[in-house]
């Protein structure tokens, strides 16, 4: 890859952003990263600290990105309700492109997700969409900040003549600390607490999820697809579902995760037992585990996102996706889901974040 490819990664400290930045860097791209705070990222050639909710500050900060050729928008900001989600998240992407008015952008990619098919947080899973989710499915009625982000992307692409892609991952699996949507780290912490206390390793979600077909998205697969779509002729101006390529049922995967940690699978009670309830005493327990095993002192609230895993595992409908758009264009990357989880668990152990 030539140095003419200069990527701006928006949301560079999150799962999708950090993996995409690392992948592009390994492929020889120049990587410019952006996040709210000043951070030192080893895969970044140039970092920009900017709050995209602030138009004036963004305009000033983005002068440092006037040379970027590709934009990868990998972030969002959760608000009190969907109306605010729409307003704030559309504003962020608008402020970004306004701040890049002079940049020679060839292509921009937006990472959204399966709420495109399931509905917003306010209306989540009130519909019963066809599965596997089809990239050709029409939008649902009602507010959805993913649609608002897309509309801003389409507007600027048309106005400035660059191409676009939208990428819709399922549950993201990868190594990141402090990420609000990280199931692998959450389940590793839960399993470690179960092992420490002798509590049953109990699937916390719904009967529908426990028995239904599912899939997930390894952050490495998403990074590969984002790169592929940016450089592959014919892939532009297209939405892409993004998953590992295998299917599973949680009845099976839960046992695989239990086996990794040397735990027995508890008998499923037939109804949800949310992690947020089970883990109400997790802060004190995690402090004990940290001291006992000499782990890095990271608060459990920064590691585990109980609410988000409860939302994913508590769905009352089947969720898996079709990847026709990218498969027919030649994207063949595949990731075994057990390895997605186990690789994160191995990293957490190696970095002394969970016990060995």
Protein backbone atom coordinates (compact mmCIF):
# COMPACT_ATOMS: atom_id res chain seq x y z
CA UNK A 1 0.00 0.00 0.00
CA UNK A 2 1.41 3.38 -0.94
CA UNK A 3 1.79 6.28 1.43
CA UNK A 4 -0.84 8.10 -0.59
CA UNK A 5 -3.40 6.23 1.52
CA UNK A 6 -3.85 8.27 4.69
CA UNK A 7 -6.58 6.97 6.99
CA UNK A 8 -8.40 8.97 9.64
CA UNK A 9 -9.77 6.60 12.30
CA UNK A 10 -12.53 8.27 14.31
CA UNK A 11 -13.00 6.50 17.64
CA UNK A 12 -9.48 5.12 17.64
CA UNK A 13 -9.49 3.86 21.23
CA UNK A 14 -12.60 1.69 20.84
CA UNK A 15 -12.85 -1.86 19.58
CA UNK A 16 -13.58 -1.27 15.90
CA UNK A 17 -11.38 1.80 15.66
CA UNK A 18 -8.31 0.38 17.37
CA UNK A 19 -8.36 -2.86 15.39
CA UNK A 20 -8.89 -1.02 12.12
CA UNK A 21 -6.02 1.36 12.86
CA UNK A 22 -3.67 -1.50 13.70
CA UNK A 23 -4.66 -3.44 10.58
CA UNK A 24 -4.16 -0.47 8.24
CA UNK A 25 -0.85 0.38 9.87
CA UNK A 26 0.32 -3.20 9.26
CA UNK A 27 -0.76 -2.83 5.62
CA UNK A 28 1.49 0.20 5.17
CA UNK A 29 -1.07 3.01 5.49
CA UNK A 30 -0.41 6.28 7.25
CA UNK A 31 -2.76 6.26 10.23
CA UNK A 32 -4.23 9.41 11.77
CA UNK A 33 -6.30 8.72 14.88
CA UNK A 34 -8.98 10.77 16.60
CA UNK A 35 -10.57 10.45 20.03
CA UNK A 36 -11.92 12.81 22.67
CA UNK A 37 -8.73 12.78 24.72
CA UNK A 38 -5.02 12.96 24.03
CA UNK A 39 -3.62 9.42 24.07
CA UNK A 40 -0.42 7.75 22.97
CA UNK A 41 -1.34 4.97 20.54
CA UNK A 42 1.55 2.87 19.21
CA UNK A 43 -0.22 2.32 15.88
CA UNK A 44 -0.90 6.03 15.30
CA UNK A 45 1.29 8.23 13.13
CA UNK A 46 -0.58 11.34 14.29
CA UNK A 47 -3.24 11.71 16.99
CA UNK A 48 -5.94 14.36 17.16
CA UNK A 49 -7.86 15.04 20.36
CA UNK A 50 -11.29 16.46 19.52
CA UNK A 51 -14.84 16.39 20.84
CA UNK A 52 -16.94 16.10 17.70
CA UNK A 53 -19.99 17.41 19.55
CA UNK A 54 -18.25 20.81 19.62
CA UNK A 55 -18.34 22.25 16.09
CA UNK A 56 -15.84 25.07 16.64
CA UNK A 57 -13.30 22.91 18.48
CA UNK A 58 -13.64 20.18 15.83
CA UNK A 59 -13.07 22.67 13.02
CA UNK A 60 -9.83 23.80 14.63
CA UNK A 61 -8.58 20.32 15.57
CA UNK A 62 -9.31 18.78 12.17
CA UNK A 63 -6.90 21.14 10.42
CA UNK A 64 -4.36 18.47 11.41
CA UNK A 65 -6.22 15.99 9.16
CA UNK A 66 -6.32 18.09 5.99
CA UNK A 67 -4.40 15.43 4.05
CA UNK A 68 -6.52 12.34 4.78
CA UNK A 69 -7.74 10.26 1.84
CA UNK A 70 -9.91 7.75 3.71
CA UNK A 71 -12.22 8.18 6.72
CA UNK A 72 -13.30 5.34 9.01
CA UNK A 73 -16.03 6.48 11.42
CA UNK A 74 -16.02 3.95 14.28
CA UNK A 75 -17.69 5.72 17.19
CA UNK A 76 -20.99 6.85 18.68
CA UNK A 77 -22.22 8.64 21.78
CA UNK A 78 -25.01 7.16 23.91
CA UNK A 79 -27.67 9.65 25.05
CA UNK A 80 -30.74 9.58 27.29
CA UNK A 81 -33.20 8.64 24.52
CA UNK A 82 -33.28 7.99 20.78
CA UNK A 83 -34.19 11.55 19.86
CA UNK A 84 -30.98 12.71 21.54
CA UNK A 85 -29.04 9.78 20.04
CA UNK A 86 -30.16 10.96 16.61
CA UNK A 87 -29.34 14.60 17.24
CA UNK A 88 -25.93 14.08 18.83
CA UNK A 89 -24.63 11.30 16.60
CA UNK A 90 -25.71 13.00 13.39
CA UNK A 91 -24.09 16.21 14.66
CA UNK A 92 -20.80 14.41 15.33
CA UNK A 93 -20.45 13.02 11.83
CA UNK A 94 -21.58 16.34 10.32
CA UNK A 95 -18.99 18.25 12.35
CA UNK A 96 -16.37 15.75 11.19
CA UNK A 97 -17.02 16.26 7.50
CA UNK A 98 -17.38 20.01 7.90
CA UNK A 99 -13.95 20.02 9.54
CA UNK A 100 -12.52 17.99 6.65
CA UNK A 101 -13.85 20.34 3.96
CA UNK A 102 -10.45 20.68 2.30
CA UNK A 103 -9.26 17.09 2.68
CA UNK A 104 -8.83 14.97 -0.48
CA UNK A 105 -11.22 12.24 0.69
CA UNK A 106 -11.64 9.32 -1.70
CA UNK A 107 -13.74 7.08 0.53
CA UNK A 108 -15.55 7.13 3.88
CA UNK A 109 -16.72 4.11 5.87
CA UNK A 110 -19.28 4.14 8.68
CA UNK A 111 -19.56 1.38 11.30
CA UNK A 112 -23.10 0.88 12.64
CA UNK A 113 -24.65 -2.47 13.65
CA UNK A 114 -27.66 -4.72 13.85
CA UNK A 115 -29.94 -2.09 15.36
CA UNK A 116 -30.40 -1.28 11.69
CA UNK A 117 -32.64 -4.39 11.62
CA UNK A 118 -33.71 -4.60 15.27
CA UNK A 119 -34.62 -1.00 15.99
CA UNK A 120 -33.21 1.64 18.32
CA UNK A 121 -32.61 1.20 22.04
CA UNK A 122 -36.05 2.76 22.63
CA UNK A 123 -37.81 0.33 20.25
CA UNK A 124 -35.37 -2.55 20.48
CA UNK A 125 -36.55 -5.92 19.12
CA UNK A 126 -40.20 -4.83 18.96
CA UNK A 127 -40.21 -6.05 15.38
CA UNK A 128 -39.64 -9.64 14.30
CA UNK A 129 -37.37 -9.28 11.27
CA UNK A 130 -36.56 -12.07 8.86
CA UNK A 131 -33.37 -13.97 9.68
CA UNK A 132 -30.70 -14.05 8.54
CA UNK A 133 -30.75 -10.25 8.40
CA UNK A 134 -30.52 -9.15 4.77
CA UNK A 135 -28.51 -6.13 3.66
CA UNK A 136 -31.34 -5.30 1.26
CA UNK A 137 -33.89 -4.94 4.09
CA UNK A 138 -35.64 -1.55 4.19
CA UNK A 139 -35.30 0.77 7.15
CA UNK A 140 -37.68 0.34 10.06
CA UNK A 141 -40.13 3.12 10.94
CA UNK A 142 -39.23 5.49 13.75
CA UNK A 143 -36.09 7.19 14.99
CA UNK A 144 -32.77 5.39 14.67
CA UNK A 145 -29.42 7.12 15.02
CA UNK A 146 -27.81 4.67 12.59
CA UNK A 147 -30.12 5.97 9.87
CA UNK A 148 -29.32 9.56 10.83
CA UNK A 149 -25.58 8.86 10.60
CA UNK A 150 -26.05 7.22 7.21
CA UNK A 151 -28.02 10.18 5.89
CA UNK A 152 -25.22 12.60 6.80
CA UNK A 153 -22.65 10.29 5.21
CA UNK A 154 -24.71 10.04 2.01
CA UNK A 155 -25.20 13.81 1.92
CA UNK A 156 -21.50 14.61 2.12
CA UNK A 157 -20.50 11.79 -0.25
CA UNK A 158 -22.87 13.18 -2.88
CA UNK A 159 -21.78 16.76 -2.26
CA UNK A 160 -18.03 16.09 -2.33
CA UNK A 161 -17.85 13.15 -4.71
CA UNK A 162 -16.29 10.48 -2.49
CA UNK A 163 -17.51 6.88 -2.19
CA UNK A 164 -18.96 5.32 0.96
CA UNK A 165 -19.58 1.98 2.66
CA UNK A 166 -21.64 1.13 5.74
CA UNK A 167 -20.57 -1.85 7.88
CA UNK A 168 -23.01 -3.61 10.21
CA UNK A 169 -21.27 -5.90 12.71
CA UNK A 170 -23.08 -8.08 15.24
CA UNK A 171 -21.78 -8.32 18.83
CA UNK A 172 -18.15 -7.18 18.70
CA UNK A 173 -15.45 -9.44 20.13
CA UNK A 174 -11.93 -8.14 20.74
CA UNK A 175 -9.52 -6.85 23.36
CA UNK A 176 -10.17 -3.35 24.65
CA UNK A 177 -10.35 -1.92 28.15
CA UNK A 178 -13.00 0.65 29.03
CA UNK A 179 -15.20 -0.19 26.05
CA UNK A 180 -18.93 -0.07 26.83
CA UNK A 181 -19.88 -2.88 24.43
CA UNK A 182 -17.30 -5.59 25.09
CA UNK A 183 -18.86 -8.99 25.73
CA UNK A 184 -15.63 -11.01 25.73
CA UNK A 185 -14.07 -9.03 28.58
CA UNK A 186 -17.40 -8.96 30.44
CA UNK A 187 -17.78 -12.75 30.29
CA UNK A 188 -14.13 -13.25 31.29
CA UNK A 189 -14.70 -11.15 34.42
CA UNK A 190 -17.97 -12.98 35.16
CA UNK A 191 -16.29 -16.39 34.78
CA UNK A 192 -13.38 -15.29 37.00
CA UNK A 193 -15.79 -14.16 39.72
CA UNK A 194 -17.73 -17.43 39.48
CA UNK A 195 -14.50 -19.37 39.88
CA UNK A 196 -13.38 -17.22 42.82
CA UNK A 197 -16.68 -17.48 44.69
CA UNK A 198 -17.89 -20.92 43.63
CA UNK A 199 -21.04 -19.41 42.15
CA UNK A 200 -22.72 -21.26 39.28
CA UNK A 201 -21.66 -20.22 35.79
CA UNK A 202 -25.18 -19.41 34.71
CA UNK A 203 -26.22 -18.27 31.25
CA UNK A 204 -27.83 -14.90 32.04
CA UNK A 205 -29.98 -14.39 28.95
CA UNK A 206 -33.30 -15.40 27.41
CA UNK A 207 -34.47 -18.88 26.38
CA UNK A 208 -34.67 -17.62 22.81
CA UNK A 209 -31.00 -16.66 22.80
CA UNK A 210 -29.87 -19.77 24.64
CA UNK A 211 -31.34 -22.05 21.99
CA UNK A 212 -31.36 -19.95 18.82
CA UNK A 213 -28.80 -19.70 16.03
CA UNK A 214 -26.43 -16.75 16.51
CA UNK A 215 -23.21 -15.22 15.23
CA UNK A 216 -20.75 -12.53 16.36
CA UNK A 217 -18.14 -10.24 14.82
CA UNK A 218 -14.45 -10.50 15.61
CA UNK A 219 -12.93 -7.01 15.54
CA UNK A 220 -10.21 -8.41 13.27
CA UNK A 221 -12.81 -9.44 10.68
CA UNK A 222 -14.36 -5.97 10.74
CA UNK A 223 -10.95 -4.35 10.28
CA UNK A 224 -10.22 -6.60 7.30
CA UNK A 225 -13.58 -5.83 5.71
CA UNK A 226 -13.20 -2.09 6.20
CA UNK A 227 -9.81 -2.22 4.48
CA UNK A 228 -11.07 -4.52 1.70
CA UNK A 229 -14.08 -2.33 0.95
CA UNK A 230 -11.95 0.80 0.74
CA UNK A 231 -9.66 -0.62 -1.96
CA UNK A 232 -11.79 -3.14 -3.88
CA UNK A 233 -13.27 -2.05 -7.19
CA UNK A 234 -17.07 -2.36 -7.09
CA UNK A 235 -17.37 -2.53 -3.31
CA UNK A 236 -18.13 1.16 -2.83
CA UNK A 237 -21.54 2.72 -2.14
CA UNK A 238 -22.76 -0.51 -0.55
CA UNK A 239 -23.88 -1.67 2.92
CA UNK A 240 -22.16 -4.76 4.33
CA UNK A 241 -23.11 -7.08 7.14
CA UNK A 242 -19.97 -8.16 8.97
CA UNK A 243 -19.71 -11.40 10.96
CA UNK A 244 -17.22 -14.20 11.52
CA UNK A 245 -18.76 -16.59 9.02
CA UNK A 246 -19.67 -19.41 11.40
CA UNK A 247 -22.89 -20.03 13.34
CA UNK A 248 -23.46 -21.36 16.84
CA UNK A 249 -26.03 -21.72 19.61
CA UNK A 250 -25.28 -20.35 23.07
CA UNK A 251 -26.13 -23.74 24.55
CA UNK A 252 -22.89 -24.91 22.90
CA UNK A 253 -20.73 -21.78 23.12
CA UNK A 254 -21.48 -21.27 26.82
CA UNK A 255 -20.03 -24.74 27.47
CA UNK A 256 -16.91 -23.88 25.46
CA UNK A 257 -16.35 -20.73 27.54
CA UNK A 258 -16.97 -22.67 30.76
CA UNK A 259 -14.39 -25.24 29.70
CA UNK A 260 -11.78 -22.55 29.07
CA UNK A 261 -12.12 -21.35 32.67
CA UNK A 262 -12.43 -24.82 34.19
CA UNK A 263 -16.04 -24.28 35.19
CA UNK A 264 -19.14 -26.44 35.01
CA UNK A 265 -22.14 -25.11 33.13
CA UNK A 266 -24.99 -24.38 35.54
CA UNK A 267 -28.40 -25.74 34.68
CA UNK A 268 -30.30 -23.08 32.75
CA UNK A 269 -33.37 -21.98 34.77
CA UNK A 270 -35.47 -21.22 31.68
CA UNK A 271 -35.56 -17.45 32.19
CA UNK A 272 -33.09 -14.53 32.23
CA UNK A 273 -30.94 -13.95 35.31
CA UNK A 274 -29.26 -10.66 34.32
CA UNK A 275 -25.58 -10.13 34.98
CA UNK A 276 -26.35 -6.65 36.29
CA UNK A 277 -28.31 -8.32 39.12
CA UNK A 278 -25.93 -11.26 39.65
CA UNK A 279 -22.91 -8.99 39.78
CA UNK A 280 -24.22 -6.27 42.11
CA UNK A 281 -21.35 -7.07 44.52
CA UNK A 282 -18.72 -7.33 41.77
CA UNK A 283 -16.68 -4.22 42.76
CA UNK A 284 -15.72 -5.63 46.15
CA UNK A 285 -15.21 -9.15 44.78
CA UNK A 286 -12.99 -7.87 41.97
CA UNK A 287 -10.84 -5.98 44.46
CA UNK A 288 -10.34 -9.28 46.33
CA UNK A 289 -9.44 -11.13 43.13
CA UNK A 290 -7.06 -8.38 42.04
CA UNK A 291 -5.22 -8.47 45.38
CA UNK A 292 -5.14 -12.27 45.59
CA UNK A 293 -3.69 -12.78 42.10
CA UNK A 294 -1.60 -9.62 41.78
CA UNK A 295 -3.59 -8.31 38.83
CA UNK A 296 -3.53 -4.86 37.30
CA UNK A 297 -5.66 -2.57 39.44
CA UNK A 298 -8.51 -1.83 37.05
CA UNK A 299 -11.99 -1.18 38.44
CA UNK A 300 -14.50 -3.85 37.47
CA UNK A 301 -16.79 -1.16 36.05
CA UNK A 302 -14.11 -0.31 33.49
CA UNK A 303 -13.73 -3.95 32.47
CA UNK A 304 -17.25 -5.36 32.49
CA UNK A 305 -20.29 -3.93 30.75
CA UNK A 306 -23.06 -5.94 32.42
CA UNK A 307 -25.91 -3.95 30.87
CA UNK A 308 -24.72 -4.42 27.30
CA UNK A 309 -24.15 -8.17 27.56
CA UNK A 310 -27.56 -8.46 29.25
CA UNK A 311 -29.10 -6.63 26.28
CA UNK A 312 -27.38 -8.88 23.73
CA UNK A 313 -28.04 -12.14 25.55
CA UNK A 314 -31.54 -11.15 26.61
CA UNK A 315 -32.99 -10.70 23.14
CA UNK A 316 -36.22 -12.58 22.60
CA UNK A 317 -35.64 -13.30 18.93
CA UNK A 318 -33.09 -15.05 16.75
CA UNK A 319 -30.24 -12.85 15.48
CA UNK A 320 -27.84 -13.79 12.72
CA UNK A 321 -26.81 -12.20 9.46
CA UNK A 322 -26.33 -12.80 5.76
CA UNK A 323 -23.13 -11.52 4.08
CA UNK A 324 -24.18 -11.76 0.43
CA UNK A 325 -22.97 -8.27 -0.54
CA UNK A 326 -19.33 -8.83 0.42
CA UNK A 327 -19.19 -12.57 -0.35
CA UNK A 328 -20.30 -12.05 -3.96
CA UNK A 329 -17.59 -9.41 -4.35
CA UNK A 330 -14.88 -11.76 -3.10
CA UNK A 331 -14.49 -10.98 0.62
CA UNK A 332 -13.76 -14.42 2.09
CA UNK A 333 -12.22 -13.69 5.52
CA UNK A 334 -13.39 -16.11 8.22
CA UNK A 335 -12.86 -16.37 11.97
CA UNK A 336 -13.78 -19.26 14.25
CA UNK A 337 -15.87 -17.82 17.06
CA UNK A 338 -14.38 -19.87 19.89
CA UNK A 339 -10.98 -18.44 18.95
CA UNK A 340 -12.43 -14.92 18.96
CA UNK A 341 -13.27 -15.37 22.64
CA UNK A 342 -10.26 -17.48 23.62
CA UNK A 343 -7.77 -15.07 22.04
CA UNK A 344 -9.21 -12.23 24.14
CA UNK A 345 -9.13 -14.42 27.26
CA UNK A 346 -5.49 -15.33 26.55
CA UNK A 347 -4.58 -11.66 26.20
CA UNK A 348 -6.38 -10.76 29.43
CA UNK A 349 -4.41 -13.44 31.25
CA UNK A 350 -1.10 -12.48 29.66
CA UNK A 351 -1.58 -8.85 30.69
CA UNK A 352 -2.56 -9.81 34.26
CA UNK A 353 -6.06 -8.41 33.92
CA UNK A 354 -7.81 -11.67 34.88
CA UNK A 355 -6.35 -14.62 36.83
CA UNK A 356 -4.58 -17.42 34.96
